[in-house]
């Protein structure tokens, strides 16, 4: 059985891999943005600098986790 017929039989949604790839790009851009924001905040310093920089880094870790999860999903889709 060809791969297209097998995916259709398993209930594969054709646009799923494209949607996950787009979500991965968005997650990576969020990681880059929060990393830059945290570094800029840390470089500026000031009284609230360390607190805001720490907040940015927490969000960066969250977005990195989401990006890793999306990579795992993409690999699972590609492997099936």
PDB file of N, CA and C in Angstrom:
ATOM      1  N   UNK A   1       0.853  -1.172   0.000  1.00  0.00           N
ATOM      2  CA  UNK A   1       0.000   0.000   0.000  1.00  0.00           C
ATOM      3  C   UNK A   1       0.905   1.243   0.000  1.00  0.00           C
ATOM      4  N   UNK A   2       0.554   2.219  -0.821  1.00  0.00           N
ATOM      5  CA  UNK A   2       1.384   3.422  -0.891  1.00  0.00           C
ATOM      6  C   UNK A   2       1.198   4.285   0.357  1.00  0.00           C
ATOM      7  N   UNK A   3       2.165   5.169   0.644  1.00  0.00           N
ATOM      8  CA  UNK A   3       2.116   5.954   1.891  1.00  0.00           C
ATOM      9  C   UNK A   3       0.905   6.861   2.000  1.00  0.00           C
ATOM     10  N   UNK A   4       0.437   7.400   0.880  1.00  0.00           N
ATOM     11  CA  UNK A   4      -0.715   8.307   0.927  1.00  0.00           C
ATOM     12  C   UNK A   4      -1.966   7.532   1.327  1.00  0.00           C
ATOM     13  N   UNK A   5      -2.159   6.366   0.751  1.00  0.00           N
ATOM     14  CA  UNK A   5      -3.327   5.555   1.092  1.00  0.00           C
ATOM     15  C   UNK A   5      -3.252   5.085   2.541  1.00  0.00           C
ATOM     16  N   UNK A   6      -2.055   4.741   2.998  1.00  0.00           N
ATOM     17  CA  UNK A   6      -1.903   4.289   4.383  1.00  0.00           C
ATOM     18  C   UNK A   6      -2.236   5.416   5.353  1.00  0.00           C
ATOM     19  N   UNK A   7      -1.759   6.640   5.054  1.00  0.00           N
ATOM     20  CA  UNK A   7      -2.070   7.778   5.931  1.00  0.00           C
ATOM     21  C   UNK A   7      -3.552   8.091   5.932  1.00  0.00           C
ATOM     22  N   UNK A   8      -4.194   7.985   4.766  1.00  0.00           N
ATOM     23  CA  UNK A   8      -5.632   8.235   4.692  1.00  0.00           C
ATOM     24  C   UNK A   8      -6.395   7.185   5.484  1.00  0.00           C
ATOM     25  N   UNK A   9      -5.926   5.950   5.449  1.00  0.00           N
ATOM     26  CA  UNK A   9      -6.595   4.885   6.178  1.00  0.00           C
ATOM     27  C   UNK A   9      -6.445   5.070   7.690  1.00  0.00           C
ATOM     28  N   UNK A  10      -5.318   5.617   8.122  1.00  0.00           N
ATOM     29  CA  UNK A  10      -5.082   5.831   9.544  1.00  0.00           C
ATOM     30  C   UNK A  10      -5.723   7.119  10.063  1.00  0.00           C
ATOM     31  N   UNK A  11      -6.386   7.872   9.207  1.00  0.00           N
ATOM     32  CA  UNK A  11      -7.035   9.105   9.636  1.00  0.00           C
ATOM     33  C   UNK A  11      -6.074  10.280   9.704  1.00  0.00           C
ATOM     34  N   UNK A  12      -5.003  10.236   8.921  1.00  0.00           N
ATOM     35  CA  UNK A  12      -4.001  11.297   8.924  1.00  0.00           C
ATOM     36  C   UNK A  12      -4.603  12.574   8.352  1.00  0.00           C
ATOM     37  N   UNK A  13      -4.363  13.672   9.018  1.00  0.00           N
ATOM     38  CA  UNK A  13      -4.825  14.974   8.529  1.00  0.00           C
ATOM     39  C   UNK A  13      -3.701  15.576   7.705  1.00  0.00           C
ATOM     40  N   UNK A  14      -3.958  15.869   6.443  1.00  0.00           N
ATOM     41  CA  UNK A  14      -2.912  16.264   5.504  1.00  0.00           C
ATOM     42  C   UNK A  14      -2.176  17.537   5.922  1.00  0.00           C
ATOM     43  N   UNK A  15      -2.867  18.486   6.488  1.00  0.00           N
ATOM     44  CA  UNK A  15      -2.232  19.744   6.849  1.00  0.00           C
ATOM     45  C   UNK A  15      -1.588  19.757   8.217  1.00  0.00           C
ATOM     46  N   UNK A  16      -1.612  18.641   8.904  1.00  0.00           N
ATOM     47  CA  UNK A  16      -1.108  18.603  10.284  1.00  0.00           C
ATOM     48  C   UNK A  16       0.383  18.916  10.349  1.00  0.00           C
ATOM     49  N   UNK A  17       1.177  18.310   9.465  1.00  0.00           N
ATOM     50  CA  UNK A  17       2.620  18.544   9.540  1.00  0.00           C
ATOM     51  C   UNK A  17       2.967  19.985   9.209  1.00  0.00           C
ATOM     52  N   UNK A  18       2.236  20.608   8.287  1.00  0.00           N
ATOM     53  CA  UNK A  18       2.488  22.015   7.969  1.00  0.00           C
ATOM     54  C   UNK A  18       2.110  22.913   9.143  1.00  0.00           C
ATOM     55  N   UNK A  19       1.007  22.592   9.803  1.00  0.00           N
ATOM     56  CA  UNK A  19       0.579  23.401  10.942  1.00  0.00           C
ATOM     57  C   UNK A  19       1.576  23.294  12.099  1.00  0.00           C
ATOM     58  N   UNK A  20       2.070  22.090  12.353  1.00  0.00           N
ATOM     59  CA  UNK A  20       3.044  21.908  13.426  1.00  0.00           C
ATOM     60  C   UNK A  20       4.348  22.627  13.079  1.00  0.00           C
ATOM     61  N   UNK A  21       4.738  22.621  11.808  1.00  0.00           N
ATOM     62  CA  UNK A  21       5.952  23.327  11.394  1.00  0.00           C
ATOM     63  C   UNK A  21       5.800  24.839  11.597  1.00  0.00           C
ATOM     64  N   UNK A  22       4.646  25.371  11.278  1.00  0.00           N
ATOM     65  CA  UNK A  22       4.402  26.805  11.477  1.00  0.00           C
ATOM     66  C   UNK A  22       4.420  27.139  12.970  1.00  0.00           C
ATOM     67  N   UNK A  23       3.797  26.285  13.781  1.00  0.00           N
ATOM     68  CA  UNK A  23       3.809  26.503  15.225  1.00  0.00           C
ATOM     69  C   UNK A  23       5.229  26.434  15.786  1.00  0.00           C
ATOM     70  N   UNK A  24       6.046  25.550  15.220  1.00  0.00           N
ATOM     71  CA  UNK A  24       7.442  25.449  15.644  1.00  0.00           C
ATOM     72  C   UNK A  24       8.197  26.739  15.336  1.00  0.00           C
ATOM     73  N   UNK A  25       7.987  27.298  14.161  1.00  0.00           N
ATOM     74  CA  UNK A  25       8.648  28.556  13.802  1.00  0.00           C
ATOM     75  C   UNK A  25       8.202  29.676  14.747  1.00  0.00           C
ATOM     76  N   UNK A  26       6.918  29.716  15.062  1.00  0.00           N
ATOM     77  CA  UNK A  26       6.405  30.735  15.988  1.00  0.00           C
ATOM     78  C   UNK A  26       7.042  30.565  17.363  1.00  0.00           C
ATOM     79  N   UNK A  27       7.135  29.316  17.831  1.00  0.00           N
ATOM     80  CA  UNK A  27       7.742  29.061  19.147  1.00  0.00           C
ATOM     81  C   UNK A  27       9.207  29.470  19.152  1.00  0.00           C
ATOM     82  N   UNK A  28       9.919  29.196  18.073  1.00  0.00           N
ATOM     83  CA  UNK A  28      11.329  29.583  18.006  1.00  0.00           C
ATOM     84  C   UNK A  28      11.496  31.099  17.967  1.00  0.00           C
ATOM     85  N   UNK A  29      10.601  31.788  17.290  1.00  0.00           N
ATOM     86  CA  UNK A  29      10.654  33.255  17.288  1.00  0.00           C
ATOM     87  C   UNK A  29      10.351  33.817  18.678  1.00  0.00           C
ATOM     88  N   UNK A  30       9.433  33.180  19.391  1.00  0.00           N
ATOM     89  CA  UNK A  30       9.152  33.608  20.764  1.00  0.00           C
ATOM     90  C   UNK A  30      10.362  33.389  21.666  1.00  0.00           C
ATOM     91  N   UNK A  31      11.053  32.274  21.477  1.00  0.00           N
ATOM     92  CA  UNK A  31      12.272  32.017  22.251  1.00  0.00           C
ATOM     93  C   UNK A  31      13.303  33.100  21.964  1.00  0.00           C
ATOM     94  N   UNK A  32      13.502  33.408  20.699  1.00  0.00           N
ATOM     95  CA  UNK A  32      14.476  34.426  20.324  1.00  0.00           C
ATOM     96  C   UNK A  32      14.096  35.796  20.880  1.00  0.00           C
ATOM     97  N   UNK A  33      12.811  36.135  20.816  1.00  0.00           N
ATOM     98  CA  UNK A  33      12.353  37.428  21.321  1.00  0.00           C
ATOM     99  C   UNK A  33      12.513  37.559  22.822  1.00  0.00           C
ATOM    100  N   UNK A  34      12.161  36.516  23.556  1.00  0.00           N
ATOM    101  CA  UNK A  34      12.302  36.594  25.009  1.00  0.00           C
ATOM    102  C   UNK A  34      13.766  36.573  25.432  1.00  0.00           C
ATOM    103  N   UNK A  35      14.591  35.853  24.687  1.00  0.00           N
ATOM    104  CA  UNK A  35      16.024  35.870  24.991  1.00  0.00           C
ATOM    105  C   UNK A  35      16.598  37.266  24.787  1.00  0.00           C
ATOM    106  N   UNK A  36      16.248  37.891  23.682  1.00  0.00           N
ATOM    107  CA  UNK A  36      16.730  39.253  23.422  1.00  0.00           C
ATOM    108  C   UNK A  36      16.193  40.230  24.462  1.00  0.00           C
ATOM    109  N   UNK A  37      14.916  40.116  24.795  1.00  0.00           N
ATOM    110  CA  UNK A  37      14.337  40.999  25.807  1.00  0.00           C
ATOM    111  C   UNK A  37      15.009  40.838  27.156  1.00  0.00           C
ATOM    112  N   UNK A  38      15.290  39.610  27.547  1.00  0.00           N
ATOM    113  CA  UNK A  38      15.968  39.369  28.818  1.00  0.00           C
ATOM    114  C   UNK A  38      17.379  39.913  28.835  1.00  0.00           C
ATOM    115  N   UNK A  39      18.086  39.744  27.722  1.00  0.00           N
ATOM    116  CA  UNK A  39      19.456  40.261  27.657  1.00  0.00           C
ATOM    117  C   UNK A  39      19.489  41.782  27.675  1.00  0.00           C
ATOM    118  N   UNK A  40      18.560  42.405  26.973  1.00  0.00           N
ATOM    119  CA  UNK A  40      18.498  43.877  26.959  1.00  0.00           C
ATOM    120  C   UNK A  40      18.147  44.402  28.347  1.00  0.00           C
ATOM    121  N   UNK A  41      17.181  43.758  28.998  1.00  0.00           N
ATOM    122  CA  UNK A  41      16.801  44.176  30.345  1.00  0.00           C
ATOM    123  C   UNK A  41      17.967  44.016  31.315  1.00  0.00           C
ATOM    124  N   UNK A  42      18.704  42.907  31.184  1.00  0.00           N
ATOM    125  CA  UNK A  42      19.837  42.664  32.059  1.00  0.00           C
ATOM    126  C   UNK A  42      20.949  43.690  31.798  1.00  0.00           C
ATOM    127  N   UNK A  43      21.148  44.056  30.543  1.00  0.00           N
ATOM    128  CA  UNK A  43      22.195  45.023  30.199  1.00  0.00           C
ATOM    129  C   UNK A  43      21.859  46.427  30.699  1.00  0.00           C
ATOM    130  N   UNK A  44      20.582  46.781  30.696  1.00  0.00           N
ATOM    131  CA  UNK A  44      20.176  48.109  31.169  1.00  0.00           C
ATOM    132  C   UNK A  44      20.374  48.254  32.673  1.00  0.00           C
ATOM    133  N   UNK A  45      20.129  47.172  33.386  1.00  0.00           N
ATOM    134  CA  UNK A  45      20.295  47.217  34.843  1.00  0.00           C
ATOM    135  C   UNK A  45      19.151  47.953  35.507  1.00  0.00           C
ATOM    136  N   UNK A  46      19.457  48.632  36.573  1.00  0.00           N
ATOM    137  CA  UNK A  46      18.433  49.356  37.325  1.00  0.00           C
ATOM    138  C   UNK A  46      17.871  48.508  38.450  1.00  0.00           C
ATOM    139  N   UNK A  47      16.919  49.082  39.156  1.00  0.00           N
ATOM    140  CA  UNK A  47      16.343  48.396  40.314  1.00  0.00           C
ATOM    141  C   UNK A  47      15.487  47.188  39.906  1.00  0.00           C
ATOM    142  N   UNK A  48      14.669  47.353  38.885  1.00  0.00           N
ATOM    143  CA  UNK A  48      13.765  46.269  38.473  1.00  0.00           C
ATOM    144  C   UNK A  48      14.412  45.357  37.436  1.00  0.00           C
ATOM    145  N   UNK A  49      15.632  45.634  37.030  1.00  0.00           N
ATOM    146  CA  UNK A  49      16.301  44.868  35.980  1.00  0.00           C
ATOM    147  C   UNK A  49      16.417  43.379  36.248  1.00  0.00           C
ATOM    148  N   UNK A  50      16.969  42.977  37.390  1.00  0.00           N
ATOM    149  CA  UNK A  50      17.109  41.533  37.635  1.00  0.00           C
ATOM    150  C   UNK A  50      15.769  40.796  37.706  1.00  0.00           C
ATOM    151  N   UNK A  51      14.766  41.439  38.263  1.00  0.00           N
ATOM    152  CA  UNK A  51      13.455  40.790  38.379  1.00  0.00           C
ATOM    153  C   UNK A  51      12.821  40.592  37.004  1.00  0.00           C
ATOM    154  N   UNK A  52      12.879  41.632  36.176  1.00  0.00           N
ATOM    155  CA  UNK A  52      12.307  41.523  34.827  1.00  0.00           C
ATOM    156  C   UNK A  52      13.107  40.569  33.962  1.00  0.00           C
ATOM    157  N   UNK A  53      14.428  40.586  34.103  1.00  0.00           N
ATOM    158  CA  UNK A  53      15.274  39.684  33.331  1.00  0.00           C
ATOM    159  C   UNK A  53      14.974  38.236  33.707  1.00  0.00           C
ATOM    160  N   UNK A  54      14.764  37.982  34.994  1.00  0.00           N
ATOM    161  CA  UNK A  54      14.423  36.640  35.447  1.00  0.00           C
ATOM    162  C   UNK A  54      13.072  36.203  34.882  1.00  0.00           C
ATOM    163  N   UNK A  55      12.123  37.116  34.818  1.00  0.00           N
ATOM    164  CA  UNK A  55      10.820  36.809  34.238  1.00  0.00           C
ATOM    165  C   UNK A  55      10.951  36.449  32.755  1.00  0.00           C
ATOM    166  N   UNK A  56      11.753  37.232  32.036  1.00  0.00           N
ATOM    167  CA  UNK A  56      11.994  36.924  30.625  1.00  0.00           C
ATOM    168  C   UNK A  56      12.615  35.534  30.470  1.00  0.00           C
ATOM    169  N   UNK A  57      13.544  35.195  31.323  1.00  0.00           N
ATOM    170  CA  UNK A  57      14.209  33.900  31.199  1.00  0.00           C
ATOM    171  C   UNK A  57      13.260  32.745  31.540  1.00  0.00           C
ATOM    172  N   UNK A  58      12.326  32.962  32.457  1.00  0.00           N
ATOM    173  CA  UNK A  58      11.330  31.923  32.742  1.00  0.00           C
ATOM    174  C   UNK A  58      10.453  31.666  31.520  1.00  0.00           C
ATOM    175  N   UNK A  59      10.025  32.753  30.875  1.00  0.00           N
ATOM    176  CA  UNK A  59       9.231  32.599  29.659  1.00  0.00           C
ATOM    177  C   UNK A  59      10.044  31.930  28.552  1.00  0.00           C
ATOM    178  N   UNK A  60      11.324  32.241  28.471  1.00  0.00           N
ATOM    179  CA  UNK A  60      12.174  31.616  27.462  1.00  0.00           C
ATOM    180  C   UNK A  60      12.220  30.115  27.662  1.00  0.00           C
ATOM    181  N   UNK A  61      12.363  29.672  28.905  1.00  0.00           N
ATOM    182  CA  UNK A  61      12.394  28.237  29.188  1.00  0.00           C
ATOM    183  C   UNK A  61      11.060  27.593  28.807  1.00  0.00           C
ATOM    184  N   UNK A  62       9.957  28.260  29.092  1.00  0.00           N
ATOM    185  CA  UNK A  62       8.638  27.750  28.716  1.00  0.00           C
ATOM    186  C   UNK A  62       8.533  27.599  27.201  1.00  0.00           C
ATOM    187  N   UNK A  63       8.929  28.645  26.467  1.00  0.00           N
ATOM    188  CA  UNK A  63       8.838  28.586  25.012  1.00  0.00           C
ATOM    189  C   UNK A  63       9.790  27.546  24.423  1.00  0.00           C
ATOM    190  N   UNK A  64      10.944  27.358  25.036  1.00  0.00           N
ATOM    191  CA  UNK A  64      11.856  26.310  24.573  1.00  0.00           C
ATOM    192  C   UNK A  64      11.247  24.930  24.783  1.00  0.00           C
ATOM    193  N   UNK A  65      10.572  24.732  25.891  1.00  0.00           N
ATOM    194  CA  UNK A  65       9.905  23.453  26.127  1.00  0.00           C
ATOM    195  C   UNK A  65       8.829  23.187  25.091  1.00  0.00           C
ATOM    196  N   UNK A  66       8.082  24.212  24.756  1.00  0.00           N
ATOM    197  CA  UNK A  66       7.052  24.075  23.718  1.00  0.00           C
ATOM    198  C   UNK A  66       7.698  23.738  22.381  1.00  0.00           C
ATOM    199  N   UNK A  67       8.808  24.402  22.061  1.00  0.00           N
ATOM    200  CA  UNK A  67       9.494  24.135  20.799  1.00  0.00           C
ATOM    201  C   UNK A  67      10.013  22.702  20.747  1.00  0.00           C
ATOM    202  N   UNK A  68      10.564  22.203  21.837  1.00  0.00           N
ATOM    203  CA  UNK A  68      11.063  20.823  21.870  1.00  0.00           C
ATOM    204  C   UNK A  68       9.899  19.848  21.698  1.00  0.00           C
ATOM    205  N   UNK A  69       8.781  20.118  22.352  1.00  0.00           N
ATOM    206  CA  UNK A  69       7.603  19.267  22.201  1.00  0.00           C
ATOM    207  C   UNK A  69       7.125  19.243  20.746  1.00  0.00           C
ATOM    208  N   UNK A  70       7.136  20.387  20.093  1.00  0.00           N
ATOM    209  CA  UNK A  70       6.714  20.444  18.688  1.00  0.00           C
ATOM    210  C   UNK A  70       7.694  19.690  17.788  1.00  0.00           C
ATOM    211  N   UNK A  71       8.989  19.726  18.097  1.00  0.00           N
ATOM    212  CA  UNK A  71       9.963  18.955  17.322  1.00  0.00           C
ATOM    213  C   UNK A  71       9.673  17.468  17.472  1.00  0.00           C
ATOM    214  N   UNK A  72       9.371  17.039  18.688  1.00  0.00           N
ATOM    215  CA  UNK A  72       9.059  15.627  18.925  1.00  0.00           C
ATOM    216  C   UNK A  72       7.799  15.233  18.128  1.00  0.00           C
ATOM    217  N   UNK A  73       6.797  16.086  18.127  1.00  0.00           N
ATOM    218  CA  UNK A  73       5.583  15.808  17.364  1.00  0.00           C
ATOM    219  C   UNK A  73       5.897  15.722  15.878  1.00  0.00           C
ATOM    220  N   UNK A  74       6.701  16.654  15.367  1.00  0.00           N
ATOM    221  CA  UNK A  74       7.072  16.614  13.945  1.00  0.00           C
ATOM    222  C   UNK A  74       7.821  15.336  13.603  1.00  0.00           C
ATOM    223  N   UNK A  75       8.715  14.906  14.464  1.00  0.00           N
ATOM    224  CA  UNK A  75       9.449  13.668  14.222  1.00  0.00           C
ATOM    225  C   UNK A  75       8.524  12.458  14.251  1.00  0.00           C
ATOM    226  N   UNK A  76       7.537  12.493  15.135  1.00  0.00           N
ATOM    227  CA  UNK A  76       6.578  11.393  15.194  1.00  0.00           C
ATOM    228  C   UNK A  76       5.736  11.346  13.927  1.00  0.00           C
ATOM    229  N   UNK A  77       5.340  12.519  13.425  1.00  0.00           N
ATOM    230  CA  UNK A  77       4.563  12.577  12.197  1.00  0.00           C
ATOM    231  C   UNK A  77       5.401  12.089  11.017  1.00  0.00           C
ATOM    232  N   UNK A  78       6.657  12.511  10.967  1.00  0.00           N
ATOM    233  CA  UNK A  78       7.524  12.114   9.861  1.00  0.00           C
ATOM    234  C   UNK A  78       7.849  10.616   9.901  1.00  0.00           C
ATOM    235  N   UNK A  79       7.887  10.038  11.102  1.00  0.00           N
ATOM    236  CA  UNK A  79       8.206   8.629  11.227  1.00  0.00           C
ATOM    237  C   UNK A  79       7.044   7.715  10.873  1.00  0.00           C
ATOM    238  N   UNK A  80       5.829   8.234  10.891  1.00  0.00           N
ATOM    239  CA  UNK A  80       4.684   7.374  10.604  1.00  0.00           C
ATOM    240  C   UNK A  80       4.347   7.332   9.128  1.00  0.00           C
TER     241      UNK A  80
END
